[in-house]
Amino acid sequence: MSGALDDTRRSTVARHATLPTPTALSSFLKILGISLSVLLVSAIAIGGFVAADLLNRTGDGAVALEDGGDAAPPALGAYPDDKAFNILVVGTDECGEITTQLLGERCEEADDGIRNDVNLLVHVSAAPRNVTVVSFPRDLMVRVPECTRDDGSTASSMSKAPMNSLFDHAGISCIAKTITDLSGIPIEFAAKISFDGVIEITDAIGGVEVCVAGDGIRDPQAGIDLPVGTHTVSGADALAFIRTRHGVGDESDLARISNQQQYMSRLAKKILSAETLTDPSTVLRLANTVADNIVPSQSLNNPLTLSQLALALKDVRFSDFVFVQYPNLDDPDNPGIKVVPDERAAEPLWAALAAGEPVSLSGDVATNQSVELVEPTEPAPTEEAPATAAPTEAPRATLPPEISGQSVDQETCSVGNQSR
């Protein structure tokens, strides 16, 4: 299987602490996780024949989820209207051929272990469907339950550990179990992706248009110099845009996540547009890229399952497709370096997901001054009314201002600070 991750062999691993730019690769990982979360949704909507090909090409590395949710059995037709489902998307810091060529010694000077620097929970409600993508910071310190590794051995519980250490500790199933313990949300499906897919993904759709405000983005460490205005980025340029930390907002990793949500939202809008999904060559390129770069959970390893999810998601409105950052507080044990869960602020989020309610954000779109809300440059595309639309608008939960993010129907610009 060309390009797919193989758990039986260890790829070169890029490591943060021993490299010249400690967080550069983590941001690269985020674009991969972002792209996969969007592509899982879009690829699902492609159609059965593509889904079958994708799953047949990724099935050999499928992994079991120890405490996976109660997924509906594979069947013809849409995923049952009365069932919500959740997909965990994990981006690991393994370097492939393309990444090694671009980042050189950052990949070659790697130590042992594989880290999960991207952790995205994609929640899809029961009908009427809405999608909420929750991003967990890589430096979030969490309680970790006892986990069973893929080889059957037991990984001990931990009272406090960084989120991005869990894949090396016990694999993707342990990440899912930890997030379920934190959120109360069962996770039925999961997928893992490494570095190289991001450039191919961006190129496959002809690039993504991003917006730059403030003083423009200049960050030599990330290799980016963009003046104020709109720019179409692809390949290595998209990598540089997502890598930048010191060029946006308050230069924190949390600010970078908000910056990446601009990219994520615009990528989602482009992939889910009629222009993309009605172009067979683009659809096949996207599907092939996904197939070459993911390892799914066993629950996702069935063409009928993917087709079910396709039919369930095809009518989700842009306003009901929302990206949020898990709320957090400064870690008193590692101030300015690590963060801890803000469980009080997160309660309304988990309650809304459990109730199947679409969410609305309050306050600013970002909490670290890295993006600003702007008026759309073009009228939003007309969305067809769902064939099974509810007669009344579903109740909408307003999240507290501690939770930042944006919906796909909003437009934001990155606030550059011309870092030097």
Protein backbone atom coordinates (compact mmCIF):
# COMPACT_ATOMS: atom_id res chain seq x y z
CA MET A 1 0.00 0.00 0.00
CA SER A 2 1.76 3.05 -1.24
CA GLY A 3 2.46 5.74 1.35
CA ALA A 4 0.17 4.47 4.10
CA LEU A 5 1.55 4.23 7.60
CA ASP A 6 2.68 0.80 8.65
CA ASP A 7 2.70 0.16 12.36
CA THR A 8 5.13 -2.73 11.89
CA ARG A 9 7.94 -0.34 10.97
CA ARG A 10 8.95 2.92 12.58
CA SER A 11 9.22 6.01 10.41
CA THR A 12 11.65 8.80 11.16
CA VAL A 13 10.16 10.89 13.93
CA ALA A 14 10.57 14.64 14.15
CA ARG A 15 11.10 15.74 17.72
CA HIS A 16 10.47 19.14 19.21
CA ALA A 17 12.69 19.47 22.25
CA THR A 18 16.03 18.76 20.56
CA LEU A 19 15.51 20.77 17.37
CA PRO A 20 16.27 24.40 16.48
CA THR A 21 12.58 25.32 16.19
CA PRO A 22 10.81 23.33 18.93
CA THR A 23 7.22 23.81 17.75
CA ALA A 24 7.61 24.08 13.99
CA LEU A 25 6.80 20.47 13.28
CA SER A 26 3.84 20.39 15.63
CA SER A 27 2.16 23.07 13.54
CA PHE A 28 2.88 21.07 10.39
CA LEU A 29 1.15 18.14 12.02
CA LYS A 30 -1.89 20.23 12.73
CA ILE A 31 -2.47 20.91 9.04
CA LEU A 32 -2.41 17.17 8.48
CA GLY A 33 -4.97 16.57 11.19
CA ILE A 34 -7.04 19.50 9.95
CA SER A 35 -6.93 18.22 6.39
CA LEU A 36 -7.91 14.72 7.40
CA SER A 37 -10.83 15.87 9.53
CA VAL A 38 -12.17 17.77 6.53
CA LEU A 39 -11.29 15.08 4.03
CA LEU A 40 -12.93 12.33 6.05
CA VAL A 41 -16.13 14.29 5.73
CA SER A 42 -15.66 15.16 2.07
CA ALA A 43 -14.39 11.74 1.03
CA ILE A 44 -17.41 10.23 2.72
CA ALA A 45 -19.57 12.34 0.42
CA ILE A 46 -17.81 11.18 -2.73
CA GLY A 47 -19.71 7.95 -3.30
CA GLY A 48 -19.55 4.24 -2.72
CA PHE A 49 -17.05 3.24 -5.39
CA VAL A 50 -14.43 5.68 -4.12
CA ALA A 51 -15.12 4.71 -0.52
CA ALA A 52 -14.59 1.06 -1.36
CA ASP A 53 -11.27 1.79 -3.01
CA LEU A 54 -10.12 3.97 -0.11
CA LEU A 55 -10.95 1.39 2.53
CA ASN A 56 -9.49 -1.51 0.57
CA ARG A 57 -6.19 0.37 0.38
CA THR A 58 -6.06 1.27 4.08
CA GLY A 59 -7.49 -1.84 5.67
CA ASP A 60 -4.30 -3.76 6.42
CA GLY A 61 -3.23 -1.38 9.20
CA ALA A 62 -6.63 -0.98 10.85
CA VAL A 63 -6.50 -0.74 14.63
CA ALA A 64 -8.98 -1.72 17.33
CA LEU A 65 -10.51 0.85 19.70
CA GLU A 66 -10.50 -0.55 23.24
CA ASP A 67 -13.61 1.28 24.43
CA GLY A 68 -15.15 2.25 21.09
CA GLY A 69 -18.72 3.51 21.08
CA ASP A 70 -21.72 1.55 19.89
CA ALA A 71 -21.43 2.04 16.13
CA ALA A 72 -24.26 0.98 13.86
CA PRO A 73 -23.46 -2.17 11.85
CA PRO A 74 -22.46 -1.69 8.19
CA ALA A 75 -25.53 -1.59 5.92
CA LEU A 76 -26.85 -0.11 2.74
CA GLY A 77 -28.33 3.37 3.11
CA ALA A 78 -27.56 6.27 5.42
CA TYR A 79 -26.22 5.99 8.95
CA PRO A 80 -29.31 5.70 11.22
CA ASP A 81 -30.92 9.11 11.76
CA ASP A 82 -31.30 8.50 15.47
CA LYS A 83 -27.58 7.84 16.04
CA ALA A 84 -24.77 10.36 16.48
CA PHE A 85 -21.22 9.32 15.69
CA ASN A 86 -17.70 10.52 16.46
CA ILE A 87 -14.41 10.29 14.57
CA LEU A 88 -11.04 10.80 16.26
CA VAL A 89 -8.39 12.20 13.91
CA VAL A 90 -4.80 11.82 15.10
CA GLY A 91 -1.77 13.38 13.39
CA THR A 92 1.57 11.84 14.37
CA ASP A 93 5.04 13.31 13.95
CA GLU A 94 6.43 10.70 11.57
CA CYS A 95 8.44 12.08 8.64
CA GLY A 96 8.08 10.65 5.16
CA GLU A 97 10.06 11.23 2.00
CA ILE A 98 8.53 14.60 1.15
CA THR A 99 8.78 15.94 4.67
CA THR A 100 12.40 14.89 5.02
CA GLN A 101 13.30 16.72 1.82
CA LEU A 102 11.60 19.90 3.05
CA LEU A 103 12.65 19.89 6.70
CA GLY A 104 16.00 18.13 6.44
CA GLU A 105 17.72 17.71 9.78
CA ARG A 106 14.52 18.34 11.70
CA CYS A 107 13.47 14.89 10.54
CA GLU A 108 16.91 13.29 10.49
CA GLU A 109 17.83 14.34 14.04
CA ALA A 110 14.96 12.43 15.59
CA ASP A 111 14.88 10.52 18.85
CA ASP A 112 12.77 7.54 19.79
CA GLY A 113 9.01 7.64 20.08
CA ILE A 114 6.08 8.85 17.99
CA ARG A 115 3.97 11.75 19.22
CA ASN A 116 0.37 12.63 18.45
CA ASP A 117 0.59 16.39 18.01
CA VAL A 118 -2.87 16.66 16.41
CA ASN A 119 -5.97 15.41 18.21
CA LEU A 120 -9.32 16.29 16.66
CA LEU A 121 -12.69 14.98 17.78
CA VAL A 122 -15.19 15.21 14.90
CA HIS A 123 -18.70 14.94 16.34
CA VAL A 124 -21.71 14.42 14.06
CA SER A 125 -25.09 14.68 15.73
CA ALA A 126 -28.18 12.60 15.12
CA ALA A 127 -30.56 14.10 12.55
CA PRO A 128 -30.89 16.96 11.90
CA ARG A 129 -27.14 16.60 11.42
CA ASN A 130 -24.54 19.13 12.58
CA VAL A 131 -20.75 18.82 12.85
CA THR A 132 -18.50 20.09 15.66
CA VAL A 133 -14.72 19.60 15.40
CA VAL A 134 -12.92 19.93 18.75
CA SER A 135 -9.16 20.56 18.67
CA PHE A 136 -7.20 19.46 21.76
CA PRO A 137 -3.91 21.37 22.27
CA ARG A 138 -0.85 19.17 22.02
CA ASP A 139 0.46 20.52 25.36
CA LEU A 140 -2.80 19.87 27.23
CA MET A 141 -2.02 18.00 30.46
CA VAL A 142 -4.62 15.27 31.03
CA ARG A 143 -5.44 12.30 33.23
CA VAL A 144 -4.76 9.04 31.34
CA PRO A 145 -6.61 5.80 32.13
CA GLU A 146 -5.07 2.35 32.02
CA CYS A 147 -4.96 1.30 28.36
CA THR A 148 -4.45 -1.88 26.37
CA ARG A 149 -1.82 -1.63 23.65
CA ASP A 150 -2.19 -3.17 20.18
CA ASP A 151 0.06 -6.06 21.26
CA GLY A 152 -2.20 -6.86 24.22
CA SER A 153 0.09 -5.46 26.91
CA THR A 154 -1.19 -3.01 29.51
CA ALA A 155 -0.10 0.62 29.68
CA SER A 156 -0.37 2.10 33.16
CA SER A 157 -2.62 5.01 34.02
CA MET A 158 -1.10 8.45 34.60
CA SER A 159 -2.44 11.23 36.78
CA LYS A 160 -1.07 13.92 34.48
CA ALA A 161 0.59 13.66 31.07
CA PRO A 162 0.81 15.80 27.92
CA MET A 163 -1.77 14.89 25.30
CA ASN A 164 0.86 14.47 22.60
CA SER A 165 2.65 11.70 24.51
CA LEU A 166 -0.26 9.26 24.40
CA PHE A 167 0.31 7.62 21.02
CA ASP A 168 3.80 6.53 22.01
CA HIS A 169 2.45 5.49 25.41
CA ALA A 170 -0.28 3.17 24.14
CA GLY A 171 -1.50 3.98 20.63
CA ILE A 172 -4.56 5.59 19.10
CA SER A 173 -7.01 3.58 21.23
CA CYS A 174 -5.55 5.15 24.38
CA ILE A 175 -5.99 8.63 22.92
CA ALA A 176 -9.64 7.84 22.21
CA LYS A 177 -10.13 6.40 25.71
CA THR A 178 -8.54 9.46 27.33
CA ILE A 179 -10.70 11.90 25.35
CA THR A 180 -13.81 9.88 26.17
CA ASP A 181 -12.94 10.05 29.87
CA LEU A 182 -12.44 13.80 29.58
CA SER A 183 -15.57 14.50 27.54
CA GLY A 184 -18.03 11.72 28.22
CA ILE A 185 -18.32 11.32 24.43
CA PRO A 186 -17.93 7.75 23.05
CA ILE A 187 -15.69 7.47 19.98
CA GLU A 188 -16.81 4.97 17.36
CA PHE A 189 -14.28 5.68 14.60
CA ALA A 190 -10.66 6.84 14.36
CA ALA A 191 -7.93 7.49 11.80
CA LYS A 192 -4.22 8.23 12.01
CA ILE A 193 -2.20 10.30 9.56
CA SER A 194 1.46 11.34 9.31
CA PHE A 195 3.23 14.27 7.64
CA ASP A 196 3.42 13.82 3.87
CA GLY A 197 -0.26 13.91 2.95
CA VAL A 198 -0.65 17.61 3.64
CA ILE A 199 1.23 18.87 0.60
CA GLU A 200 -0.49 16.39 -1.70
CA ILE A 201 -3.89 17.22 -0.19
CA THR A 202 -3.47 20.94 -0.72
CA ASP A 203 -2.16 20.46 -4.24
CA ALA A 204 -4.99 18.07 -5.08
CA ILE A 205 -7.58 20.82 -4.65
CA GLY A 206 -5.53 23.55 -6.31
CA GLY A 207 -4.53 25.37 -3.12
CA VAL A 208 -6.45 27.24 -0.45
CA GLU A 209 -7.06 30.99 -0.38
CA VAL A 210 -6.11 32.53 2.97
CA CYS A 211 -6.48 36.06 4.30
CA VAL A 212 -3.77 38.10 6.05
CA ALA A 213 -4.50 41.22 8.13
CA GLY A 214 -2.62 43.20 10.77
CA ASP A 215 0.93 44.03 9.67
CA GLY A 216 1.33 41.02 7.40
CA ILE A 217 2.97 37.74 8.35
CA ARG A 218 6.77 37.52 8.41
CA ASP A 219 8.29 34.57 10.23
CA PRO A 220 11.78 33.47 9.08
CA GLN A 221 11.63 30.35 11.26
CA ALA A 222 8.56 29.14 9.38
CA GLY A 223 9.79 30.46 6.04
CA ILE A 224 6.84 32.77 5.39
CA ASP A 225 6.55 36.39 4.26
CA LEU A 226 3.01 37.38 3.29
CA PRO A 227 1.81 40.98 3.01
CA VAL A 228 -1.70 42.05 3.94
CA GLY A 229 -4.30 40.68 1.52
CA THR A 230 -5.50 37.34 0.17
CA HIS A 231 -3.13 34.63 -1.02
CA THR A 232 -3.61 31.17 -2.50
CA VAL A 233 -1.24 28.79 -0.74
CA SER A 234 -0.44 25.22 -1.69
CA GLY A 235 2.24 22.65 -1.05
CA ALA A 236 5.21 24.00 0.87
CA ASP A 237 3.63 27.47 1.03
CA ALA A 238 0.62 26.03 2.84
CA LEU A 239 3.01 24.30 5.21
CA ALA A 240 4.73 27.61 5.94
CA PHE A 241 1.39 29.32 6.61
CA ILE A 242 0.34 26.62 9.07
CA ARG A 243 3.79 26.42 10.70
CA THR A 244 3.97 30.08 11.63
CA ARG A 245 3.75 30.77 15.32
CA HIS A 246 5.82 33.90 15.83
CA GLY A 247 4.20 35.65 12.86
CA VAL A 248 0.63 35.76 14.21
CA GLY A 249 -1.21 36.97 17.29
CA ASP A 250 0.56 36.75 20.63
CA GLU A 251 3.02 34.18 19.23
CA SER A 252 1.65 31.37 21.38
CA ASP A 253 0.83 27.84 20.24
CA LEU A 254 -2.81 28.52 21.07
CA ALA A 255 -2.74 31.56 18.76
CA ARG A 256 -1.38 29.34 16.04
CA ILE A 257 -4.33 26.96 16.47
CA SER A 258 -6.74 29.84 15.86
CA ASN A 259 -4.73 30.83 12.79
CA GLN A 260 -4.98 27.27 11.54
CA GLN A 261 -8.75 27.31 12.01
CA GLN A 262 -8.93 29.98 9.32
CA TYR A 263 -7.15 27.59 6.97
CA MET A 264 -9.30 24.68 8.18
CA SER A 265 -12.56 26.52 7.56
CA ARG A 266 -11.56 27.70 4.09
CA LEU A 267 -10.29 24.23 3.20
CA ALA A 268 -13.57 22.71 4.35
CA LYS A 269 -15.61 25.20 2.34
CA LYS A 270 -13.61 24.50 -0.80
CA ILE A 271 -13.70 20.72 -0.45
CA LEU A 272 -17.40 20.63 0.38
CA SER A 273 -18.33 23.00 -2.43
CA ALA A 274 -20.26 21.75 -5.43
CA GLU A 275 -17.33 22.82 -7.62
CA THR A 276 -15.05 20.26 -5.95
CA LEU A 277 -17.46 17.41 -5.32
CA THR A 278 -18.86 17.47 -8.85
CA ASP A 279 -15.39 17.25 -10.44
CA PRO A 280 -14.57 13.53 -10.72
CA SER A 281 -10.83 14.07 -11.25
CA THR A 282 -10.53 16.26 -8.14
CA VAL A 283 -12.59 13.81 -6.10
CA LEU A 284 -10.38 10.91 -7.14
CA ARG A 285 -7.21 12.85 -6.34
CA LEU A 286 -8.54 13.62 -2.87
CA ALA A 287 -9.60 10.04 -2.25
CA ASN A 288 -6.26 8.68 -3.43
CA THR A 289 -4.39 11.09 -1.16
CA VAL A 290 -6.44 10.01 1.84
CA ALA A 291 -6.02 6.33 0.98
CA ASP A 292 -2.25 6.69 0.80
CA ASN A 293 -1.90 8.48 4.12
CA ILE A 294 -4.27 7.09 6.75
CA VAL A 295 -4.60 4.09 9.01
CA PRO A 296 -8.24 3.69 10.12
CA SER A 297 -9.75 2.01 13.13
CA GLN A 298 -11.30 -1.39 12.49
CA SER A 299 -14.73 0.21 12.86
CA LEU A 300 -13.95 2.50 9.90
CA ASN A 301 -12.52 -0.31 7.81
CA ASN A 302 -15.62 -1.09 5.76
CA PRO A 303 -16.88 0.51 2.53
CA LEU A 304 -20.49 0.20 3.63
CA THR A 305 -19.73 2.14 6.81
CA LEU A 306 -18.13 4.96 4.86
CA SER A 307 -21.12 5.05 2.50
CA GLN A 308 -23.47 5.24 5.50
CA LEU A 309 -21.57 8.23 6.85
CA ALA A 310 -21.65 9.79 3.38
CA LEU A 311 -25.40 9.87 3.22
CA ALA A 312 -25.63 11.14 6.80
CA LEU A 313 -23.36 14.15 6.20
CA LYS A 314 -24.27 15.34 2.73
CA ASP A 315 -26.83 17.94 3.87
CA VAL A 316 -24.99 19.60 6.77
CA ARG A 317 -25.17 23.39 6.44
CA PHE A 318 -22.03 25.53 6.63
CA SER A 319 -23.49 27.33 9.66
CA ASP A 320 -23.77 23.96 11.43
CA PHE A 321 -20.16 22.96 10.70
CA VAL A 322 -18.13 24.47 13.55
CA PHE A 323 -14.47 24.25 14.62
CA VAL A 324 -13.64 24.89 18.29
CA GLN A 325 -10.57 24.78 20.51
CA TYR A 326 -10.90 22.85 23.76
CA PRO A 327 -10.89 25.44 26.59
CA ASN A 328 -7.81 25.45 28.78
CA LEU A 329 -6.03 27.23 31.61
CA ASP A 330 -2.35 27.85 32.31
CA ASP A 331 -0.77 24.85 34.02
CA PRO A 332 0.32 25.97 37.51
CA ASP A 333 3.13 23.38 37.41
CA ASN A 334 4.42 24.59 34.01
CA PRO A 335 3.18 28.17 33.55
CA GLY A 336 3.56 29.55 30.05
CA ILE A 337 4.52 26.11 28.73
CA LYS A 338 1.69 23.66 29.37
CA VAL A 339 -2.08 24.05 29.78
CA VAL A 340 -4.70 22.12 31.74
CA PRO A 341 -8.37 21.46 30.97
CA ASP A 342 -10.91 24.16 31.83
CA GLU A 343 -13.58 21.61 32.66
CA ARG A 344 -16.10 24.23 33.81
CA ALA A 345 -15.98 26.05 30.47
CA ALA A 346 -16.10 22.74 28.58
CA GLU A 347 -19.29 21.53 30.27
CA PRO A 348 -21.68 23.43 27.94
CA LEU A 349 -19.80 22.03 24.91
CA TRP A 350 -20.13 18.41 26.02
CA ALA A 351 -23.77 18.98 27.05
CA ALA A 352 -24.57 20.38 23.59
CA LEU A 353 -22.94 17.46 21.81
CA ALA A 354 -24.71 14.94 24.03
CA ALA A 355 -28.03 16.66 23.30
CA GLY A 356 -27.37 16.83 19.55
CA GLU A 357 -27.60 20.62 19.53
CA PRO A 358 -25.74 22.77 16.99
CA VAL A 359 -23.42 25.24 18.68
CA SER A 360 -22.91 28.99 18.41
CA LEU A 361 -19.79 30.80 19.55
CA SER A 362 -19.85 33.90 21.74
CA GLY A 363 -17.26 36.64 22.07
CA ASP A 364 -14.26 36.93 19.75
CA VAL A 365 -13.41 34.27 17.19
CA ALA A 366 -9.98 33.92 18.81
CA THR A 367 -8.69 34.22 22.35
CA ASN A 368 -5.04 34.85 21.45
CA GLN A 369 -5.37 37.73 18.97
CA SER A 370 -4.36 35.65 15.95
CA VAL A 371 -7.46 36.05 13.76
CA GLU A 372 -10.25 38.56 13.28
CA LEU A 373 -13.74 38.19 11.86
CA VAL A 374 -14.29 39.91 8.50
CA GLU A 375 -17.13 40.42 6.06
CA PRO A 376 -17.20 37.74 3.34
CA THR A 377 -15.44 38.90 0.17
CA GLU A 378 -17.99 37.03 -1.93
CA PRO A 379 -21.62 36.09 -1.28
CA ALA A 380 -21.95 32.71 0.37
CA PRO A 381 -22.93 29.95 -2.07
CA THR A 382 -26.57 29.01 -2.00
CA GLU A 383 -27.08 25.78 -0.12
CA GLU A 384 -29.86 23.43 -1.09
CA ALA A 385 -32.40 22.71 1.62
CA PRO A 386 -31.98 19.18 3.03
CA ALA A 387 -34.48 16.72 1.62
CA THR A 388 -35.45 15.72 5.16
CA ALA A 389 -35.22 19.17 6.76
CA ALA A 390 -36.78 19.53 10.18
CA PRO A 391 -39.91 21.71 10.23
CA THR A 392 -38.37 24.03 12.84
CA GLU A 393 -34.85 25.20 13.63
CA ALA A 394 -33.07 22.89 16.06
CA PRO A 395 -32.25 24.39 19.49
CA ARG A 396 -28.83 26.02 19.42
CA ALA A 397 -26.40 26.05 22.36
CA THR A 398 -24.29 29.18 22.89
CA LEU A 399 -20.81 28.28 24.13
CA PRO A 400 -18.98 30.44 26.70
CA PRO A 401 -16.36 32.95 25.46
CA GLU A 402 -13.54 30.75 26.77
CA ILE A 403 -14.18 28.47 23.77
CA SER A 404 -12.80 29.98 20.57
CA GLY A 405 -13.36 28.90 17.00
CA GLN A 406 -15.46 29.59 13.92
CA SER A 407 -18.11 28.09 11.68
CA VAL A 408 -17.54 27.37 8.00
CA ASP A 409 -19.92 30.14 6.95
CA GLN A 410 -17.75 32.74 8.73
CA GLU A 411 -14.61 34.31 7.29
CA THR A 412 -11.57 35.28 9.32
CA CYS A 413 -8.20 36.85 8.55
CA SER A 414 -4.94 36.05 10.31
CA VAL A 415 -3.59 38.99 12.31
CA GLY A 416 0.07 39.14 11.33
CA ASN A 417 2.65 40.85 13.53
CA GLN A 418 5.71 40.94 11.19
CA SER A 419 7.84 38.93 13.62
CA ARG A 420 11.56 39.14 12.95
